[in-house]
Amino acid sequence: MQDSFLSLPSDLRLMTLTHGGPQGRWRNEAMRSHSSARLVLITRGQGRITVAGLTNGYGPNNLIYIPPHTMYGIEVGQTVFGQVLAFDAPPFWPAHAFHLRLRDVERQKEVVAHYEAIERELRPTGDPRAAACHFGLLSIFVERQLAAQDATNLDTRRSSAAAKLVERYTAMIARQYGSNRGVVDYAAALGVTTTHLTRCCQKTCGRSALSLLNDRIHYEACIMLKETATPVQQIAADLGFQSPAYFTRRFQEKAGKTPTEFRRVEKQR
């Protein structure tokens, strides 16, 4: 039997993707990464998504795979609706991100049916074993779409030297964002100048190397403030800031609130 990425995940969660309002933009748009994979199905609306430092437009009937430890951020407008499957990627799933634009109506209906079946079985009245089996069917669907994709579905920019460099850079950020390393340090580790690294980032996603790094750190700060009771001073230290005061100033510049104010508002949501 040939290897396939039909393999049941040890963890499977389904979340909705909707507009979070001005105060909730960080939940979708800030660069983040996870130890588990994400498979995003967009069913309504359009916007832009940045995965591993490469920005693309998305629209309805788009299926986007984000491997574990891959940095990404999604612009989510008021009309956007999608579903995000989070799972521990089976060993035969692709190692790199992909973006499928499903143009055939039957394929569009098929992928929606798979998501609906998984959602139904993940409810309290459902059966996680059935959800895992439906995920297996979704895996086969994805495998077939990747095998059958035509030239119009291929993103040739991903193979460019600039995109490969930025992908390596974002992969380093995803694992080392709290190390107090600056862009100069990352560029040196990649064997390029900071000017070249920033030029490549601007080319692939329209953002500077420093912006990508700061955005990843900011997202982690937001998560720690929202989901933990860790003191602000400790969060600052954990994220590599030299002092709590500097962390507070930088956070307020980006969030419009001090860390303490942000935590209070988010805890009330």
Protein backbone atom coordinates (compact mmCIF):
# COMPACT_ATOMS: atom_id res chain seq x y z
CA MET A 1 0.00 0.00 0.00
CA GLN A 2 1.44 3.39 -0.99
CA ASP A 3 2.00 6.09 1.60
CA SER A 4 -0.81 8.61 1.74
CA PHE A 5 -1.64 11.46 4.05
CA LEU A 6 -4.82 9.62 5.03
CA SER A 7 -4.00 9.27 8.72
CA LEU A 8 -6.21 10.21 11.62
CA PRO A 9 -5.14 13.22 13.74
CA SER A 10 -4.72 12.93 17.50
CA ASP A 11 -6.47 16.26 17.99
CA LEU A 12 -9.17 17.89 15.87
CA ARG A 13 -10.86 21.24 16.48
CA LEU A 14 -13.09 23.40 14.29
CA MET A 15 -13.33 27.19 14.64
CA THR A 16 -15.16 29.90 12.72
CA LEU A 17 -13.37 32.76 10.98
CA THR A 18 -15.30 36.04 11.08
CA HIS A 19 -14.69 39.77 11.33
CA GLY A 20 -13.70 40.68 14.88
CA GLY A 21 -14.27 44.42 14.71
CA PRO A 22 -11.59 47.11 15.14
CA GLN A 23 -10.67 45.94 18.64
CA GLY A 24 -10.37 42.31 17.56
CA ARG A 25 -8.18 42.68 14.48
CA TRP A 26 -5.20 41.20 16.31
CA ARG A 27 -7.01 37.84 16.60
CA ASN A 28 -6.81 37.27 12.84
CA GLU A 29 -4.37 39.73 11.32
CA ALA A 30 -1.37 39.68 13.66
CA MET A 31 1.31 37.19 12.62
CA ARG A 32 1.11 34.01 14.66
CA SER A 33 2.11 30.36 14.51
CA HIS A 34 0.93 27.17 16.20
CA SER A 35 2.35 23.76 17.00
CA SER A 36 -0.64 22.24 15.17
CA ALA A 37 -1.67 22.60 11.52
CA ARG A 38 -4.54 24.71 10.16
CA LEU A 39 -6.78 24.03 7.14
CA VAL A 40 -8.79 27.17 6.33
CA LEU A 41 -11.93 27.01 4.18
CA ILE A 42 -13.24 30.39 3.02
CA THR A 43 -16.92 30.24 2.05
CA ARG A 44 -17.79 33.94 1.84
CA GLY A 45 -15.99 37.25 1.31
CA GLN A 46 -12.49 38.07 0.22
CA GLY A 47 -9.27 39.50 1.58
CA ARG A 48 -5.57 38.78 1.85
CA ILE A 49 -3.65 36.11 3.73
CA THR A 50 0.06 36.01 4.47
CA VAL A 51 1.58 32.54 4.99
CA ALA A 52 5.31 32.06 5.57
CA GLY A 53 5.90 35.62 4.43
CA LEU A 54 4.03 35.39 1.12
CA THR A 55 0.81 37.38 0.70
CA ASN A 56 -2.02 36.24 -1.59
CA GLY A 57 -5.58 37.30 -2.14
CA TYR A 58 -8.32 34.86 -1.16
CA GLY A 59 -12.00 34.54 -1.96
CA PRO A 60 -14.91 32.10 -1.65
CA ASN A 61 -14.17 28.41 -2.13
CA ASN A 62 -10.50 28.76 -1.25
CA LEU A 63 -8.80 26.07 0.81
CA ILE A 64 -5.55 27.09 2.50
CA TYR A 65 -3.22 24.79 4.41
CA ILE A 66 -0.88 26.18 7.08
CA PRO A 67 1.65 23.63 8.40
CA PRO A 68 2.71 23.54 12.06
CA HIS A 69 5.09 26.30 13.20
CA THR A 70 4.32 28.38 10.09
CA MET A 71 3.71 32.09 10.58
CA TYR A 72 0.52 33.50 9.10
CA GLY A 73 -2.01 36.30 9.40
CA ILE A 74 -5.39 36.82 7.72
CA GLU A 75 -7.15 40.05 6.83
CA VAL A 76 -10.82 39.42 7.66
CA GLY A 77 -13.37 41.93 6.43
CA GLN A 78 -16.96 42.29 7.56
CA THR A 79 -18.34 39.98 4.84
CA VAL A 80 -15.84 37.17 5.37
CA PHE A 81 -16.88 33.81 6.76
CA GLY A 82 -14.73 30.74 6.96
CA GLN A 83 -13.96 27.67 9.02
CA VAL A 84 -10.59 26.67 10.40
CA LEU A 85 -9.69 23.07 11.17
CA ALA A 86 -6.87 22.74 13.69
CA PHE A 87 -5.20 19.34 13.95
CA ASP A 88 -1.94 17.55 14.62
CA ALA A 89 -0.77 17.04 11.05
CA PRO A 90 -0.43 13.37 10.10
CA PRO A 91 3.06 12.46 8.81
CA PHE A 92 2.12 12.34 5.15
CA TRP A 93 0.49 15.75 4.94
CA PRO A 94 2.52 18.24 2.87
CA ALA A 95 5.43 19.93 4.62
CA HIS A 96 4.69 23.25 2.91
CA ALA A 97 1.66 25.51 2.73
CA PHE A 98 -0.73 25.32 -0.21
CA HIS A 99 -3.59 27.46 -1.47
CA LEU A 100 -6.29 25.77 -3.56
CA ARG A 101 -8.89 27.79 -5.44
CA LEU A 102 -11.76 25.36 -6.01
CA ARG A 103 -13.45 26.40 -9.25
CA ASP A 104 -15.58 23.33 -9.92
CA VAL A 105 -19.03 23.56 -8.32
CA GLU A 106 -19.10 19.88 -7.39
CA ARG A 107 -15.73 20.16 -5.63
CA GLN A 108 -16.98 23.23 -3.78
CA LYS A 109 -20.03 21.33 -2.53
CA GLU A 110 -17.90 18.34 -1.61
CA VAL A 111 -15.46 20.22 0.61
CA VAL A 112 -18.29 22.07 2.38
CA ALA A 113 -19.99 18.73 3.04
CA HIS A 114 -16.80 17.38 4.63
CA TYR A 115 -16.54 20.38 6.94
CA GLU A 116 -20.22 20.18 7.87
CA ALA A 117 -19.88 16.49 8.72
CA ILE A 118 -16.84 17.13 10.91
CA GLU A 119 -18.62 20.01 12.64
CA ARG A 120 -21.66 17.82 13.31
CA GLU A 121 -19.58 15.05 14.87
CA LEU A 122 -17.55 17.42 17.04
CA ARG A 123 -20.70 18.61 18.81
CA PRO A 124 -21.52 17.16 22.24
CA THR A 125 -24.11 14.90 20.59
CA GLY A 126 -21.62 13.66 17.99
CA ASP A 127 -18.85 11.08 18.05
CA PRO A 128 -15.15 12.09 17.82
CA ARG A 129 -14.43 8.80 16.05
CA ALA A 130 -16.84 9.75 13.28
CA ALA A 131 -15.24 13.21 13.10
CA ALA A 132 -11.85 11.56 12.63
CA CYS A 133 -13.23 9.37 9.85
CA HIS A 134 -14.72 12.39 8.07
CA PHE A 135 -11.34 14.07 8.44
CA GLY A 136 -9.83 11.07 6.67
CA LEU A 137 -12.24 11.61 3.77
CA LEU A 138 -11.30 15.29 3.71
CA SER A 139 -7.64 14.27 3.56
CA ILE A 140 -8.33 12.16 0.49
CA PHE A 141 -10.20 15.07 -1.08
CA VAL A 142 -7.23 17.38 -0.50
CA GLU A 143 -4.78 14.82 -1.84
CA ARG A 144 -6.81 14.46 -5.04
CA GLN A 145 -7.10 18.22 -5.53
CA LEU A 146 -3.36 18.65 -5.13
CA ALA A 147 -2.69 15.88 -7.62
CA ALA A 148 -5.13 17.36 -10.14
CA GLN A 149 -4.34 21.05 -9.74
CA ASP A 150 -3.56 22.82 -12.99
CA ALA A 151 -1.08 25.56 -13.80
CA THR A 152 -3.54 28.30 -12.84
CA ASN A 153 -3.62 26.94 -9.28
CA LEU A 154 0.16 26.99 -8.82
CA ASP A 155 1.84 29.92 -7.09
CA THR A 156 5.20 30.16 -8.84
CA ARG A 157 6.27 33.01 -6.53
CA ARG A 158 6.76 30.47 -3.74
CA SER A 159 9.78 29.07 -5.59
CA SER A 160 11.52 32.44 -6.01
CA ALA A 161 14.73 33.17 -4.13
CA ALA A 162 13.07 36.03 -2.24
CA ALA A 163 10.13 33.88 -1.10
CA LYS A 164 12.43 31.05 0.01
CA LEU A 165 14.51 33.48 2.08
CA VAL A 166 11.47 35.06 3.71
CA GLU A 167 10.02 31.62 4.41
CA ARG A 168 13.23 30.68 6.26
CA TYR A 169 13.14 33.98 8.12
CA THR A 170 9.53 33.57 9.28
CA ALA A 171 10.24 29.97 10.30
CA MET A 172 13.03 31.24 12.54
CA ILE A 173 10.77 33.92 14.02
CA ALA A 174 8.05 31.34 14.72
CA ARG A 175 10.40 29.43 17.01
CA GLN A 176 12.62 32.19 18.41
CA TYR A 177 10.40 35.30 18.75
CA GLY A 178 11.00 35.47 22.50
CA SER A 179 14.79 35.26 22.29
CA ASN A 180 15.46 39.01 22.18
CA ARG A 181 17.05 38.60 18.74
CA GLY A 182 16.73 41.51 16.35
CA VAL A 183 16.50 41.62 12.57
CA VAL A 184 20.29 42.05 12.40
CA ASP A 185 20.72 38.74 14.24
CA TYR A 186 18.26 36.88 12.03
CA ALA A 187 19.82 38.29 8.87
CA ALA A 188 23.27 37.23 10.01
CA ALA A 189 22.01 33.71 10.74
CA LEU A 190 20.52 33.61 7.24
CA GLY A 191 23.75 34.86 5.69
CA VAL A 192 22.28 38.07 4.22
CA THR A 193 22.26 41.77 5.06
CA THR A 194 19.34 43.37 6.85
CA THR A 195 18.77 45.53 3.77
CA HIS A 196 18.45 42.50 1.52
CA LEU A 197 16.18 40.69 3.98
CA THR A 198 13.86 43.69 4.28
CA ARG A 199 13.83 44.15 0.50
CA CYS A 200 12.73 40.53 0.07
CA CYS A 201 10.03 40.85 2.75
CA GLN A 202 8.69 43.96 1.03
CA LYS A 203 8.62 42.07 -2.26
CA THR A 204 6.75 39.02 -0.99
CA CYS A 205 4.31 40.52 1.52
CA GLY A 206 4.65 44.31 1.41
CA ARG A 207 6.04 44.51 4.93
CA SER A 208 9.47 45.03 6.45
CA ALA A 209 11.42 42.33 8.23
CA LEU A 210 11.07 44.28 11.47
CA SER A 211 7.30 44.56 11.06
CA LEU A 212 6.93 40.78 10.71
CA LEU A 213 9.04 40.19 13.82
CA ASN A 214 7.25 42.80 15.92
CA ASP A 215 3.85 41.53 14.82
CA ARG A 216 4.65 37.98 15.96
CA ILE A 217 5.82 39.26 19.35
CA HIS A 218 2.73 41.46 19.68
CA TYR A 219 0.38 38.55 19.02
CA GLU A 220 2.05 36.46 21.71
CA ALA A 221 1.78 39.35 24.15
CA CYS A 222 -1.95 39.64 23.39
CA ILE A 223 -2.47 35.91 23.96
CA MET A 224 -0.56 35.94 27.25
CA LEU A 225 -2.48 38.96 28.49
CA LYS A 226 -5.83 37.51 27.48
CA GLU A 227 -5.42 33.86 28.45
CA THR A 228 -3.08 33.91 31.45
CA ALA A 229 -2.62 35.77 34.72
CA THR A 230 1.12 36.17 34.16
CA PRO A 231 2.28 39.56 35.48
CA VAL A 232 3.08 42.18 32.84
CA GLN A 233 6.68 42.33 34.06
CA GLN A 234 7.10 38.60 33.46
CA ILE A 235 5.47 38.77 30.02
CA ALA A 236 7.93 41.51 29.08
CA ALA A 237 10.85 39.35 30.21
CA ASP A 238 9.50 36.22 28.48
CA LEU A 239 9.21 38.10 25.18
CA GLY A 240 12.75 39.48 25.35
CA PHE A 241 12.05 43.09 26.32
CA GLN A 242 14.76 44.84 28.31
CA SER A 243 12.28 46.46 30.69
CA PRO A 244 8.54 46.37 31.49
CA ALA A 245 8.32 50.10 30.72
CA TYR A 246 9.68 49.60 27.20
CA PHE A 247 7.30 46.68 26.65
CA THR A 248 4.34 48.78 27.84
CA ARG A 249 5.27 51.65 25.54
CA ARG A 250 5.70 49.41 22.49
CA PHE A 251 2.47 47.51 23.23
CA GLN A 252 0.44 50.69 23.65
CA GLU A 253 1.76 52.09 20.37
CA LYS A 254 0.38 49.05 18.53
CA ALA A 255 -2.76 48.19 20.53
CA GLY A 256 -3.87 51.66 21.59
CA LYS A 257 -4.06 50.42 25.18
CA THR A 258 -1.59 49.62 27.91
CA PRO A 259 -1.11 45.90 28.61
CA THR A 260 -3.17 46.24 31.80
CA GLU A 261 -6.03 47.98 29.99
CA PHE A 262 -5.93 45.44 27.16
CA ARG A 263 -6.08 42.55 29.66
CA ARG A 264 -9.08 44.05 31.46
CA VAL A 265 -11.05 44.56 28.24
CA GLU A 266 -10.25 41.12 26.84
CA LYS A 267 -11.12 39.36 30.08
CA GLN A 268 -14.56 40.97 29.91
CA ARG A 269 -15.31 39.67 26.41
